[in-house]
N, C-alpha and C. Protein backbone atom coordinates (compact mmCIF):
# COMPACT_ATOMS: atom_id res chain seq x y z
N UNK A 1 126.48 85.80 165.09
CA UNK A 1 126.45 85.02 166.30
C UNK A 1 126.91 85.80 167.52
N UNK A 2 126.94 87.11 167.49
CA UNK A 2 127.34 87.82 168.69
C UNK A 2 126.48 87.42 169.88
N UNK A 3 127.15 87.13 171.00
CA UNK A 3 126.41 86.73 172.18
C UNK A 3 126.03 85.27 172.23
N UNK A 4 126.26 84.54 171.15
CA UNK A 4 125.89 83.13 171.12
C UNK A 4 126.85 82.31 171.99
N UNK A 5 128.14 82.58 171.87
CA UNK A 5 129.15 81.83 172.62
C UNK A 5 129.32 82.44 174.01
N UNK A 6 129.57 81.57 175.00
CA UNK A 6 129.88 82.05 176.34
C UNK A 6 131.26 82.71 176.37
N UNK A 7 132.19 82.16 175.58
CA UNK A 7 133.52 82.76 175.44
C UNK A 7 134.08 82.38 174.09
N UNK A 8 135.00 83.19 173.60
CA UNK A 8 135.67 82.89 172.34
C UNK A 8 137.06 83.50 172.34
N UNK A 9 137.96 82.81 171.64
CA UNK A 9 139.34 83.28 171.52
C UNK A 9 139.75 83.09 170.07
N UNK A 10 140.17 84.15 169.41
CA UNK A 10 140.58 84.08 168.01
C UNK A 10 141.96 83.44 167.94
N UNK A 11 142.06 82.38 167.13
CA UNK A 11 143.33 81.67 166.97
C UNK A 11 144.03 82.06 165.67
N UNK A 12 143.25 82.52 164.69
CA UNK A 12 143.86 82.92 163.42
C UNK A 12 142.83 83.44 162.45
N UNK A 13 143.32 84.22 161.48
CA UNK A 13 142.51 84.77 160.40
C UNK A 13 143.23 84.51 159.09
N UNK A 14 142.47 84.10 158.08
CA UNK A 14 143.00 83.92 156.74
C UNK A 14 142.17 84.78 155.81
N UNK A 15 142.83 85.66 155.04
CA UNK A 15 142.09 86.52 154.12
C UNK A 15 141.67 85.71 152.90
N UNK A 16 140.41 85.87 152.49
CA UNK A 16 139.87 85.18 151.31
C UNK A 16 139.10 86.22 150.50
N UNK A 17 139.81 86.94 149.63
CA UNK A 17 139.19 88.03 148.89
C UNK A 17 138.76 89.12 149.86
N UNK A 18 137.49 89.51 149.78
CA UNK A 18 136.98 90.54 150.69
C UNK A 18 136.46 89.95 151.99
N UNK A 19 136.56 88.63 152.12
CA UNK A 19 136.07 87.95 153.32
C UNK A 19 137.26 87.42 154.12
N UNK A 20 136.95 86.84 155.25
CA UNK A 20 137.98 86.33 156.14
C UNK A 20 137.53 84.98 156.69
N UNK A 21 138.44 84.03 156.72
CA UNK A 21 138.18 82.76 157.40
C UNK A 21 138.78 82.91 158.79
N UNK A 22 137.93 82.82 159.80
CA UNK A 22 138.39 83.02 161.17
C UNK A 22 138.34 81.69 161.92
N UNK A 23 139.42 81.39 162.62
CA UNK A 23 139.53 80.17 163.42
C UNK A 23 139.50 80.60 164.88
N UNK A 24 138.53 80.06 165.61
CA UNK A 24 138.34 80.46 167.01
C UNK A 24 138.15 79.24 167.89
N UNK A 25 138.60 79.36 169.12
CA UNK A 25 138.22 78.39 170.16
C UNK A 25 137.04 79.02 170.88
N UNK A 26 135.93 78.29 170.92
CA UNK A 26 134.70 78.83 171.51
C UNK A 26 134.17 77.89 172.58
N UNK A 27 133.34 78.45 173.46
CA UNK A 27 132.73 77.65 174.52
C UNK A 27 131.28 78.05 174.66
N UNK A 28 130.43 77.05 174.81
CA UNK A 28 129.01 77.27 175.07
C UNK A 28 128.57 76.19 176.05
N UNK A 29 128.06 76.64 177.16
CA UNK A 29 127.70 75.75 178.27
C UNK A 29 128.92 74.90 178.61
N UNK A 30 128.83 73.57 178.50
CA UNK A 30 129.96 72.70 178.83
C UNK A 30 130.74 72.27 177.60
N UNK A 31 130.39 72.77 176.43
CA UNK A 31 131.05 72.35 175.18
C UNK A 31 132.18 73.30 174.82
N UNK A 32 133.35 72.72 174.50
CA UNK A 32 134.47 73.49 173.95
C UNK A 32 134.66 73.03 172.52
N UNK A 33 134.74 74.00 171.61
CA UNK A 33 134.79 73.70 170.18
C UNK A 33 135.83 74.57 169.50
N UNK A 34 136.25 74.12 168.32
CA UNK A 34 137.00 74.97 167.41
C UNK A 34 136.04 75.34 166.30
N UNK A 35 135.86 76.63 166.07
CA UNK A 35 134.93 77.13 165.07
C UNK A 35 135.74 77.71 163.92
N UNK A 36 135.50 77.21 162.72
CA UNK A 36 136.16 77.71 161.50
C UNK A 36 135.04 78.28 160.64
N UNK A 37 135.05 79.60 160.47
CA UNK A 37 133.88 80.25 159.88
C UNK A 37 134.29 81.40 158.96
N UNK A 38 133.49 81.59 157.91
CA UNK A 38 133.67 82.71 157.00
C UNK A 38 133.04 83.96 157.62
N UNK A 39 133.79 85.05 157.64
CA UNK A 39 133.31 86.34 158.15
C UNK A 39 133.25 87.34 157.01
N UNK A 40 132.34 88.27 157.10
CA UNK A 40 132.19 89.35 156.12
C UNK A 40 132.17 90.68 156.86
N UNK A 41 132.50 91.74 156.13
CA UNK A 41 132.58 93.06 156.74
C UNK A 41 131.30 93.84 156.50
N UNK A 42 130.70 94.37 157.58
CA UNK A 42 129.46 95.13 157.44
C UNK A 42 129.77 96.59 157.06
N UNK A 43 128.73 97.40 156.90
CA UNK A 43 128.91 98.79 156.45
C UNK A 43 129.69 99.64 157.44
N UNK A 44 129.77 99.19 158.70
CA UNK A 44 130.55 99.89 159.72
C UNK A 44 131.95 99.31 159.87
N UNK A 45 132.36 98.48 158.89
CA UNK A 45 133.68 97.83 158.87
C UNK A 45 133.90 96.85 160.02
N UNK A 46 132.83 96.32 160.58
CA UNK A 46 132.96 95.28 161.61
C UNK A 46 132.83 93.92 160.95
N UNK A 47 133.64 92.97 161.42
CA UNK A 47 133.59 91.62 160.88
C UNK A 47 132.43 90.86 161.52
N UNK A 48 131.59 90.26 160.67
CA UNK A 48 130.40 89.54 161.12
C UNK A 48 130.50 88.08 160.68
N UNK A 49 130.11 87.14 161.52
CA UNK A 49 130.15 85.72 161.14
C UNK A 49 129.02 85.39 160.16
N UNK A 50 129.32 84.52 159.21
CA UNK A 50 128.29 84.04 158.30
C UNK A 50 127.82 82.66 158.79
N UNK A 51 126.86 82.10 158.09
CA UNK A 51 126.40 80.75 158.42
C UNK A 51 127.34 79.70 157.85
N UNK A 52 128.25 80.12 156.97
CA UNK A 52 129.17 79.19 156.32
C UNK A 52 130.35 78.91 157.23
N UNK A 53 130.37 77.71 157.80
CA UNK A 53 131.44 77.34 158.69
C UNK A 53 131.14 76.03 159.38
N UNK A 54 132.05 75.65 160.25
CA UNK A 54 131.91 74.39 160.98
C UNK A 54 132.45 74.59 162.40
N UNK A 55 131.80 73.94 163.35
CA UNK A 55 132.26 73.91 164.74
C UNK A 55 132.57 72.47 165.08
N UNK A 56 133.81 72.23 165.49
CA UNK A 56 134.29 70.88 165.75
C UNK A 56 134.57 70.73 167.25
N UNK A 57 134.04 69.68 167.89
CA UNK A 57 134.36 69.46 169.30
C UNK A 57 135.88 69.36 169.49
N UNK A 58 136.36 69.93 170.58
CA UNK A 58 137.79 69.98 170.85
C UNK A 58 138.44 68.59 170.80
N UNK A 59 137.72 67.57 171.24
CA UNK A 59 138.32 66.22 171.24
C UNK A 59 138.51 65.66 169.83
N UNK A 60 137.91 66.26 168.80
CA UNK A 60 138.08 65.79 167.42
C UNK A 60 139.08 66.63 166.63
N UNK A 61 139.63 67.66 167.23
CA UNK A 61 140.53 68.57 166.52
C UNK A 61 141.80 67.84 166.05
N UNK A 62 142.32 66.92 166.84
CA UNK A 62 143.51 66.17 166.44
C UNK A 62 143.26 65.38 165.16
N UNK A 63 142.13 64.71 165.07
CA UNK A 63 141.78 63.95 163.87
C UNK A 63 141.59 64.88 162.68
N UNK A 64 140.97 66.04 162.90
CA UNK A 64 140.79 67.02 161.83
C UNK A 64 142.14 67.51 161.35
N UNK A 65 143.05 67.80 162.26
CA UNK A 65 144.39 68.28 161.90
C UNK A 65 145.14 67.23 161.08
N UNK A 66 145.02 65.96 161.46
CA UNK A 66 145.66 64.88 160.70
C UNK A 66 145.12 64.83 159.28
N UNK A 67 143.81 64.93 159.12
CA UNK A 67 143.20 64.89 157.79
C UNK A 67 143.65 66.09 156.95
N UNK A 68 143.70 67.27 157.55
CA UNK A 68 144.15 68.46 156.82
C UNK A 68 145.62 68.35 156.44
N UNK A 69 146.42 67.77 157.30
CA UNK A 69 147.84 67.56 157.00
C UNK A 69 147.99 66.62 155.80
N UNK A 70 147.20 65.55 155.77
CA UNK A 70 147.24 64.62 154.62
C UNK A 70 146.85 65.34 153.33
N UNK A 71 145.81 66.16 153.39
CA UNK A 71 145.37 66.91 152.21
C UNK A 71 146.48 67.84 151.73
N UNK A 72 147.11 68.56 152.66
CA UNK A 72 148.19 69.49 152.31
C UNK A 72 149.37 68.74 151.71
N UNK A 73 149.71 67.60 152.29
CA UNK A 73 150.83 66.79 151.78
C UNK A 73 150.53 66.29 150.38
N UNK A 74 149.31 65.79 150.15
CA UNK A 74 148.91 65.30 148.83
C UNK A 74 148.92 66.43 147.80
N UNK A 75 148.45 67.61 148.20
CA UNK A 75 148.41 68.75 147.28
C UNK A 75 149.82 69.18 146.90
N UNK A 76 150.74 69.13 147.86
CA UNK A 76 152.12 69.55 147.60
C UNK A 76 152.84 68.58 146.67
N UNK A 77 152.44 67.31 146.70
CA UNK A 77 153.13 66.30 145.88
C UNK A 77 152.49 66.12 144.51
N UNK A 78 151.38 66.77 144.25
CA UNK A 78 150.74 66.59 142.93
C UNK A 78 151.00 67.75 142.00
């Protein structure tokens, strides 16, 4: 997706084997989103985005965070 977003800011990276889950705040036209996407390393050692991921409108991030918190809490108690 290089060049797809008007702007992007990396918020975090999580290592997943040889891949990386990257969390970014991105903007395209008038839309601001949080993009959570799997990245892979190319032969030149550059991280490239895969099609596996989700882009969530910024106004829904609070609801997403609440759902993830519930999942984490349930996982910790089981």
